[in-house]
Amino acid sequence: MAERLVPWLTRESAPLAEFLTKVMNSPANVRRSVNSIVAAVESHQQLRSNPIVRSDIQLLKLALDHETLLLSGTGGTVVSKLIERFLIERSTDWELESNGASDYPDLYLGSDDYSQLPDFRRGKDQVYGASLKGKLKRPVRVPDGLEVKTCRRNFAVDCHHAHAGLHLVVIFDRIEKQFVVKDVLVGFLRHELYRVTVPASPTTTLKASFNGQHFISIFPEPD
């Protein structure tokens, strides 16, 4: 898996970063364009005095303010889904498919044969391993495919399971009101490379975490 995906991910890291920055910065770019249009309208006496135009401008400004509130929390889940969508669309040499929201790996090769895995079963107090899950027979909990993680500002990842396999980590931040991708890294993690916090009670969710110690950057150096 790593031999197939890592060279491809290395080639795709720069286009991925460009795609992410365009999408994440699109609301700010739209706001700048709208502000420019509004300024032009308000400088025109006939348009400025039109009650319908004034009402539409007020509605537009209010909608942009509400959008800012909605998007102010842009975080890992949103960016991870953007990454998955980009990689799926760019996977022409193989068929990448997305796994369930609570399953891993995030992406698996739909063109590979996982038919020998047992069907998923969840019984009382049962701990399940690698299996085929759902109507689509998605392979879950296999040391295969690609796990996607995102970090805001610095490399630090917390998750609910220690998943052995290939990981892609994208570090992004907002600098001077613009989102930028700071780094794209890959690493193959074994279970023992996770730091696992043992729950204090049965109701506490297990937390597994890792840092960038075992990762290498595949982000191209600036010219």
C-alpha atoms as a PDB file:
ATOM      1  CA  MET A   1       0.000   0.000   0.000  1.00  0.00           C
ATOM      2  CA  ALA A   2       2.669   2.504   0.993  1.00  0.00           C
ATOM      3  CA  GLU A   3       4.761   1.636  -2.073  1.00  0.00           C
ATOM      4  CA  ARG A   4       1.774   2.457  -4.277  1.00  0.00           C
ATOM      5  CA  LEU A   5       0.363   5.499  -2.508  1.00  0.00           C
ATOM      6  CA  VAL A   6       3.365   7.441  -1.182  1.00  0.00           C
ATOM      7  CA  PRO A   7       4.908   8.327  -4.597  1.00  0.00           C
ATOM      8  CA  TRP A   8       1.450   9.335  -5.824  1.00  0.00           C
ATOM      9  CA  LEU A   9       0.719  11.401  -2.704  1.00  0.00           C
ATOM     10  CA  THR A  10       4.080  13.120  -3.117  1.00  0.00           C
ATOM     11  CA  ARG A  11       3.105  14.212  -6.621  1.00  0.00           C
ATOM     12  CA  GLU A  12      -0.334  15.300  -5.461  1.00  0.00           C
ATOM     13  CA  SER A  13       0.756  17.247  -2.354  1.00  0.00           C
ATOM     14  CA  ALA A  14       1.172  20.603  -4.131  1.00  0.00           C
ATOM     15  CA  PRO A  15      -2.157  20.364  -6.070  1.00  0.00           C
ATOM     16  CA  LEU A  16      -3.841  19.248  -2.825  1.00  0.00           C
ATOM     17  CA  ALA A  17      -2.522  22.301  -0.971  1.00  0.00           C
ATOM     18  CA  GLU A  18      -3.657  24.582  -3.785  1.00  0.00           C
ATOM     19  CA  PHE A  19      -7.141  23.026  -3.760  1.00  0.00           C
ATOM     20  CA  LEU A  20      -7.480  23.349   0.025  1.00  0.00           C
ATOM     21  CA  THR A  21      -6.401  26.980   0.124  1.00  0.00           C
ATOM     22  CA  LYS A  22      -8.783  27.901  -2.689  1.00  0.00           C
ATOM     23  CA  VAL A  23     -11.752  26.246  -0.993  1.00  0.00           C
ATOM     24  CA  MET A  24     -10.973  27.449   2.545  1.00  0.00           C
ATOM     25  CA  ASN A  25     -10.373  31.024   1.363  1.00  0.00           C
ATOM     26  CA  SER A  26     -13.352  31.180  -0.991  1.00  0.00           C
ATOM     27  CA  PRO A  27     -15.729  32.768   1.601  1.00  0.00           C
ATOM     28  CA  ALA A  28     -13.263  35.622   2.227  1.00  0.00           C
ATOM     29  CA  ASN A  29     -12.758  36.089  -1.498  1.00  0.00           C
ATOM     30  CA  VAL A  30     -16.515  36.232  -2.066  1.00  0.00           C
ATOM     31  CA  ARG A  31     -16.860  38.809   0.721  1.00  0.00           C
ATOM     32  CA  ARG A  32     -14.197  41.021  -0.866  1.00  0.00           C
ATOM     33  CA  SER A  33     -15.950  40.835  -4.235  1.00  0.00           C
ATOM     34  CA  VAL A  34     -19.330  41.621  -2.685  1.00  0.00           C
ATOM     35  CA  ASN A  35     -17.915  44.556  -0.737  1.00  0.00           C
ATOM     36  CA  SER A  36     -16.459  45.934  -3.953  1.00  0.00           C
ATOM     37  CA  ILE A  37     -19.809  45.588  -5.728  1.00  0.00           C
ATOM     38  CA  VAL A  38     -21.670  47.181  -2.804  1.00  0.00           C
ATOM     39  CA  ALA A  39     -19.247  50.117  -2.771  1.00  0.00           C
ATOM     40  CA  ALA A  40     -19.825  50.664  -6.484  1.00  0.00           C
ATOM     41  CA  VAL A  41     -23.615  50.534  -6.026  1.00  0.00           C
ATOM     42  CA  GLU A  42     -23.569  52.922  -3.063  1.00  0.00           C
ATOM     43  CA  SER A  43     -21.516  55.440  -5.049  1.00  0.00           C
ATOM     44  CA  HIS A  44     -24.272  55.566  -7.662  1.00  0.00           C
ATOM     45  CA  GLN A  45     -26.955  58.054  -6.560  1.00  0.00           C
ATOM     46  CA  GLN A  46     -29.845  56.462  -8.458  1.00  0.00           C
ATOM     47  CA  LEU A  47     -29.086  52.941  -7.263  1.00  0.00           C
ATOM     48  CA  ARG A  48     -28.387  54.063  -3.698  1.00  0.00           C
ATOM     49  CA  SER A  49     -31.780  55.723  -3.426  1.00  0.00           C
ATOM     50  CA  ASN A  50     -33.648  52.697  -4.756  1.00  0.00           C
ATOM     51  CA  PRO A  51     -35.410  51.020  -1.757  1.00  0.00           C
ATOM     52  CA  ILE A  52     -35.234  47.563  -3.340  1.00  0.00           C
ATOM     53  CA  VAL A  53     -31.474  47.888  -3.902  1.00  0.00           C
ATOM     54  CA  ARG A  54     -30.969  49.164  -0.336  1.00  0.00           C
ATOM     55  CA  SER A  55     -32.975  46.253   1.040  1.00  0.00           C
ATOM     56  CA  ASP A  56     -31.013  43.719  -1.024  1.00  0.00           C
ATOM     57  CA  ILE A  57     -27.689  45.207   0.115  1.00  0.00           C
ATOM     58  CA  GLN A  58     -28.710  45.008   3.768  1.00  0.00           C
ATOM     59  CA  LEU A  59     -29.845  41.418   3.313  1.00  0.00           C
ATOM     60  CA  LEU A  60     -26.575  40.540   1.558  1.00  0.00           C
ATOM     61  CA  LYS A  61     -24.444  42.099   4.305  1.00  0.00           C
ATOM     62  CA  LEU A  62     -26.444  40.272   6.992  1.00  0.00           C
ATOM     63  CA  ALA A  63     -26.079  36.959   5.132  1.00  0.00           C
ATOM     64  CA  LEU A  64     -22.298  37.451   4.905  1.00  0.00           C
ATOM     65  CA  ASP A  65     -22.126  38.197   8.633  1.00  0.00           C
ATOM     66  CA  HIS A  66     -24.056  35.005   9.368  1.00  0.00           C
ATOM     67  CA  GLU A  67     -21.802  33.056   7.013  1.00  0.00           C
ATOM     68  CA  THR A  68     -18.767  34.338   8.914  1.00  0.00           C
ATOM     69  CA  LEU A  69     -20.220  32.971  12.133  1.00  0.00           C
ATOM     70  CA  LEU A  70     -20.935  29.628  10.470  1.00  0.00           C
ATOM     71  CA  LEU A  71     -17.441  29.261   8.980  1.00  0.00           C
ATOM     72  CA  SER A  72     -15.430  30.704  11.870  1.00  0.00           C
ATOM     73  CA  GLY A  73     -14.963  27.214  13.274  1.00  0.00           C
ATOM     74  CA  THR A  74     -13.405  25.680  10.181  1.00  0.00           C
ATOM     75  CA  GLY A  75     -11.704  22.669  11.643  1.00  0.00           C
ATOM     76  CA  GLY A  76     -10.278  19.239  11.115  1.00  0.00           C
ATOM     77  CA  THR A  77     -13.437  17.373  10.138  1.00  0.00           C
ATOM     78  CA  VAL A  78     -14.296  19.797   7.327  1.00  0.00           C
ATOM     79  CA  VAL A  79     -10.731  19.900   5.986  1.00  0.00           C
ATOM     80  CA  SER A  80     -10.402  16.102   6.197  1.00  0.00           C
ATOM     81  CA  LYS A  81     -13.490  15.663   4.035  1.00  0.00           C
ATOM     82  CA  LEU A  82     -12.078  18.129   1.503  1.00  0.00           C
ATOM     83  CA  ILE A  83      -8.874  16.079   1.383  1.00  0.00           C
ATOM     84  CA  GLU A  84     -10.775  12.828   0.916  1.00  0.00           C
ATOM     85  CA  ARG A  85     -12.852  14.310  -1.904  1.00  0.00           C
ATOM     86  CA  PHE A  86      -9.761  15.631  -3.686  1.00  0.00           C
ATOM     87  CA  LEU A  87      -7.864  12.342  -3.446  1.00  0.00           C
ATOM     88  CA  ILE A  88     -10.854  10.277  -4.576  1.00  0.00           C
ATOM     89  CA  GLU A  89     -11.322  12.477  -7.638  1.00  0.00           C
ATOM     90  CA  ARG A  90      -7.598  12.341  -8.472  1.00  0.00           C
ATOM     91  CA  SER A  91      -7.207   8.573  -8.022  1.00  0.00           C
ATOM     92  CA  THR A  92      -7.128   7.522 -11.664  1.00  0.00           C
ATOM     93  CA  ASP A  93      -4.665   4.620 -11.267  1.00  0.00           C
ATOM     94  CA  TRP A  94      -6.845   2.941  -8.628  1.00  0.00           C
ATOM     95  CA  GLU A  95     -10.262   3.367  -7.081  1.00  0.00           C
ATOM     96  CA  LEU A  96     -10.101   5.134  -3.740  1.00  0.00           C
ATOM     97  CA  GLU A  97     -13.315   5.002  -1.729  1.00  0.00           C
ATOM     98  CA  SER A  98     -14.378   6.650   1.504  1.00  0.00           C
ATOM     99  CA  ASN A  99     -15.110   4.631   4.607  1.00  0.00           C
ATOM    100  CA  GLY A 100     -17.754   5.333   7.246  1.00  0.00           C
ATOM    101  CA  ALA A 101     -17.404   8.397   9.473  1.00  0.00           C
ATOM    102  CA  SER A 102     -16.582   6.360  12.575  1.00  0.00           C
ATOM    103  CA  ASP A 103     -14.477   3.707  10.821  1.00  0.00           C
ATOM    104  CA  TYR A 104     -10.894   3.490   9.651  1.00  0.00           C
ATOM    105  CA  PRO A 105      -9.012   3.691   7.419  1.00  0.00           C
ATOM    106  CA  ASP A 106     -10.659   6.824   6.004  1.00  0.00           C
ATOM    107  CA  LEU A 107      -9.863   5.759   2.445  1.00  0.00           C
ATOM    108  CA  TYR A 108      -9.447   2.261   1.048  1.00  0.00           C
ATOM    109  CA  LEU A 109      -8.774   0.818  -2.392  1.00  0.00           C
ATOM    110  CA  GLY A 110     -12.128  -0.296  -3.711  1.00  0.00           C
ATOM    111  CA  SER A 111     -10.376  -2.116  -6.536  1.00  0.00           C
ATOM    112  CA  ASP A 112      -8.572  -4.423  -4.084  1.00  0.00           C
ATOM    113  CA  ASP A 113     -10.066  -7.731  -2.978  1.00  0.00           C
ATOM    114  CA  TYR A 114     -11.176  -7.778   0.670  1.00  0.00           C
ATOM    115  CA  SER A 115     -13.684 -10.595   0.221  1.00  0.00           C
ATOM    116  CA  GLN A 116     -11.838 -12.953   2.582  1.00  0.00           C
ATOM    117  CA  LEU A 117     -12.547 -10.706   5.575  1.00  0.00           C
ATOM    118  CA  PRO A 118     -15.395 -11.853   7.849  1.00  0.00           C
ATOM    119  CA  ASP A 119     -18.622  -9.877   7.991  1.00  0.00           C
ATOM    120  CA  PHE A 120     -18.860  -7.287  10.748  1.00  0.00           C
ATOM    121  CA  ARG A 121     -20.651  -8.412  13.893  1.00  0.00           C
ATOM    122  CA  ARG A 122     -21.249  -6.365  17.010  1.00  0.00           C
ATOM    123  CA  GLY A 123     -22.336  -8.332  20.033  1.00  0.00           C
ATOM    124  CA  LYS A 124     -22.524  -7.384  23.671  1.00  0.00           C
ATOM    125  CA  ASP A 125     -19.051  -6.482  24.978  1.00  0.00           C
ATOM    126  CA  GLN A 126     -17.555  -7.751  21.732  1.00  0.00           C
ATOM    127  CA  VAL A 127     -14.339  -6.222  20.420  1.00  0.00           C
ATOM    128  CA  TYR A 128     -14.290  -6.558  16.663  1.00  0.00           C
ATOM    129  CA  GLY A 129     -11.307  -6.528  14.352  1.00  0.00           C
ATOM    130  CA  ALA A 130     -10.814  -6.366  10.593  1.00  0.00           C
ATOM    131  CA  SER A 131     -14.111  -7.057   8.853  1.00  0.00           C
ATOM    132  CA  LEU A 132     -16.506  -6.115   6.064  1.00  0.00           C
ATOM    133  CA  LYS A 133     -19.131  -3.635   7.226  1.00  0.00           C
ATOM    134  CA  GLY A 134     -22.439  -2.408   5.845  1.00  0.00           C
ATOM    135  CA  LYS A 135     -24.270  -3.054   2.600  1.00  0.00           C
ATOM    136  CA  LEU A 136     -21.279  -1.891   0.579  1.00  0.00           C
ATOM    137  CA  LYS A 137     -18.983  -4.368   2.377  1.00  0.00           C
ATOM    138  CA  ARG A 138     -16.458  -1.689   3.317  1.00  0.00           C
ATOM    139  CA  PRO A 139     -13.228  -3.040   4.898  1.00  0.00           C
ATOM    140  CA  VAL A 140     -12.805  -1.592   8.396  1.00  0.00           C
ATOM    141  CA  ARG A 141     -10.005  -1.844  10.940  1.00  0.00           C
ATOM    142  CA  VAL A 142      -7.498  -3.101   8.394  1.00  0.00           C
ATOM    143  CA  PRO A 143      -3.818  -1.985   8.291  1.00  0.00           C
ATOM    144  CA  ASP A 144      -4.434  -0.894   4.718  1.00  0.00           C
ATOM    145  CA  GLY A 145      -5.694   2.136   2.870  1.00  0.00           C
ATOM    146  CA  LEU A 146      -5.055   5.688   4.072  1.00  0.00           C
ATOM    147  CA  GLU A 147      -5.928   7.449   7.305  1.00  0.00           C
ATOM    148  CA  VAL A 148      -6.325  11.230   6.884  1.00  0.00           C
ATOM    149  CA  LYS A 149      -5.545  13.605   9.753  1.00  0.00           C
ATOM    150  CA  THR A 150      -5.463  17.397   9.904  1.00  0.00           C
ATOM    151  CA  CYS A 151      -3.804  19.742  12.361  1.00  0.00           C
ATOM    152  CA  ARG A 152      -4.352  23.440  12.979  1.00  0.00           C
ATOM    153  CA  ARG A 153      -1.016  25.299  13.471  1.00  0.00           C
ATOM    154  CA  ASN A 154       1.138  22.415  14.816  1.00  0.00           C
ATOM    155  CA  PHE A 155       1.448  18.651  14.497  1.00  0.00           C
ATOM    156  CA  ALA A 156      -0.694  17.091  17.228  1.00  0.00           C
ATOM    157  CA  VAL A 157      -3.268  14.354  16.630  1.00  0.00           C
ATOM    158  CA  ASP A 158      -5.802  12.834  19.013  1.00  0.00           C
ATOM    159  CA  CYS A 159      -8.149  10.068  17.890  1.00  0.00           C
ATOM    160  CA  HIS A 160     -10.307   7.299  19.349  1.00  0.00           C
ATOM    161  CA  HIS A 161      -8.375   4.285  18.071  1.00  0.00           C
ATOM    162  CA  ALA A 162      -4.774   3.259  17.505  1.00  0.00           C
ATOM    163  CA  HIS A 163      -4.864   2.429  13.807  1.00  0.00           C
ATOM    164  CA  ALA A 164      -1.907   0.689  12.220  1.00  0.00           C
ATOM    165  CA  GLY A 165      -1.343   1.797   8.661  1.00  0.00           C
ATOM    166  CA  LEU A 166      -0.411   4.618   6.326  1.00  0.00           C
ATOM    167  CA  HIS A 167      -1.307   8.112   7.548  1.00  0.00           C
ATOM    168  CA  LEU A 168      -1.490  11.404   5.691  1.00  0.00           C
ATOM    169  CA  VAL A 169      -1.281  14.539   7.849  1.00  0.00           C
ATOM    170  CA  VAL A 170      -2.001  18.039   6.573  1.00  0.00           C
ATOM    171  CA  ILE A 171      -1.048  21.010   8.742  1.00  0.00           C
ATOM    172  CA  PHE A 172      -2.859  24.256   8.010  1.00  0.00           C
ATOM    173  CA  ASP A 173      -3.310  27.620   9.651  1.00  0.00           C
ATOM    174  CA  ARG A 174      -4.894  31.011   9.148  1.00  0.00           C
ATOM    175  CA  ILE A 175      -2.262  33.691   8.645  1.00  0.00           C
ATOM    176  CA  GLU A 176      -3.175  37.329   7.996  1.00  0.00           C
ATOM    177  CA  LYS A 177      -6.823  36.366   7.368  1.00  0.00           C
ATOM    178  CA  GLN A 178      -5.864  33.731   4.778  1.00  0.00           C
ATOM    179  CA  PHE A 179      -5.758  29.963   5.197  1.00  0.00           C
ATOM    180  CA  VAL A 180      -2.468  28.384   4.182  1.00  0.00           C
ATOM    181  CA  VAL A 181      -1.232  24.789   4.084  1.00  0.00           C
ATOM    182  CA  LYS A 182       1.996  24.646   6.091  1.00  0.00           C
ATOM    183  CA  ASP A 183       2.993  21.030   5.479  1.00  0.00           C
ATOM    184  CA  VAL A 184       1.881  17.663   4.105  1.00  0.00           C
ATOM    185  CA  LEU A 185       3.407  14.568   5.719  1.00  0.00           C
ATOM    186  CA  VAL A 186       3.146  10.783   5.522  1.00  0.00           C
ATOM    187  CA  GLY A 187       4.048   8.035   7.958  1.00  0.00           C
ATOM    188  CA  PHE A 188       3.286   4.363   8.541  1.00  0.00           C
ATOM    189  CA  LEU A 189       2.265   3.860  12.157  1.00  0.00           C
ATOM    190  CA  ARG A 190       2.280   0.672  14.174  1.00  0.00           C
ATOM    191  CA  HIS A 191       0.056   0.317  17.226  1.00  0.00           C
ATOM    192  CA  GLU A 192       2.981   0.814  19.595  1.00  0.00           C
ATOM    193  CA  LEU A 193       3.748   4.231  18.080  1.00  0.00           C
ATOM    194  CA  TYR A 194       0.485   5.600  19.489  1.00  0.00           C
ATOM    195  CA  ARG A 195       0.231   7.013  22.995  1.00  0.00           C
ATOM    196  CA  VAL A 196      -2.935   5.460  24.395  1.00  0.00           C
ATOM    197  CA  THR A 197      -4.696   6.981  27.391  1.00  0.00           C
ATOM    198  CA  VAL A 198      -6.444   4.265  29.388  1.00  0.00           C
ATOM    199  CA  PRO A 199      -9.997   5.388  30.291  1.00  0.00           C
ATOM    200  CA  ALA A 200     -10.560   6.107  33.957  1.00  0.00           C
ATOM    201  CA  SER A 201     -14.061   4.650  33.711  1.00  0.00           C
ATOM    202  CA  PRO A 202     -16.050   2.541  31.222  1.00  0.00           C
ATOM    203  CA  THR A 203     -17.918   5.670  30.097  1.00  0.00           C
ATOM    204  CA  THR A 204     -14.743   7.541  29.161  1.00  0.00           C
ATOM    205  CA  THR A 205     -13.684   7.406  25.525  1.00  0.00           C
ATOM    206  CA  LEU A 206     -10.257   5.959  24.837  1.00  0.00           C
ATOM    207  CA  LYS A 207      -7.823   8.495  23.404  1.00  0.00           C
ATOM    208  CA  ALA A 208      -4.928   7.585  21.151  1.00  0.00           C
ATOM    209  CA  SER A 209      -2.480  10.266  20.020  1.00  0.00           C
ATOM    210  CA  PHE A 210       0.757  10.678  18.078  1.00  0.00           C
ATOM    211  CA  ASN A 211       3.132  13.404  16.959  1.00  0.00           C
ATOM    212  CA  GLY A 212       5.286  13.967  13.906  1.00  0.00           C
ATOM    213  CA  GLN A 213       8.300  11.977  15.089  1.00  0.00           C
ATOM    214  CA  HIS A 214       7.754   9.145  12.604  1.00  0.00           C
ATOM    215  CA  PHE A 215       6.555  11.248   9.666  1.00  0.00           C
ATOM    216  CA  ILE A 216       8.321  12.702   6.646  1.00  0.00           C
ATOM    217  CA  SER A 217       7.284  15.797   4.708  1.00  0.00           C
ATOM    218  CA  ILE A 218       6.249  15.301   1.087  1.00  0.00           C
ATOM    219  CA  PHE A 219       5.498  18.999   0.594  1.00  0.00           C
ATOM    220  CA  PRO A 220       7.649  20.502  -2.175  1.00  0.00           C
ATOM    221  CA  GLU A 221      10.154  23.153  -1.181  1.00  0.00           C
ATOM    222  CA  PRO A 222       9.268  26.645  -2.488  1.00  0.00           C
ATOM    223  CA  ASP A 223      11.174  27.701  -5.586  1.00  0.00           C
END
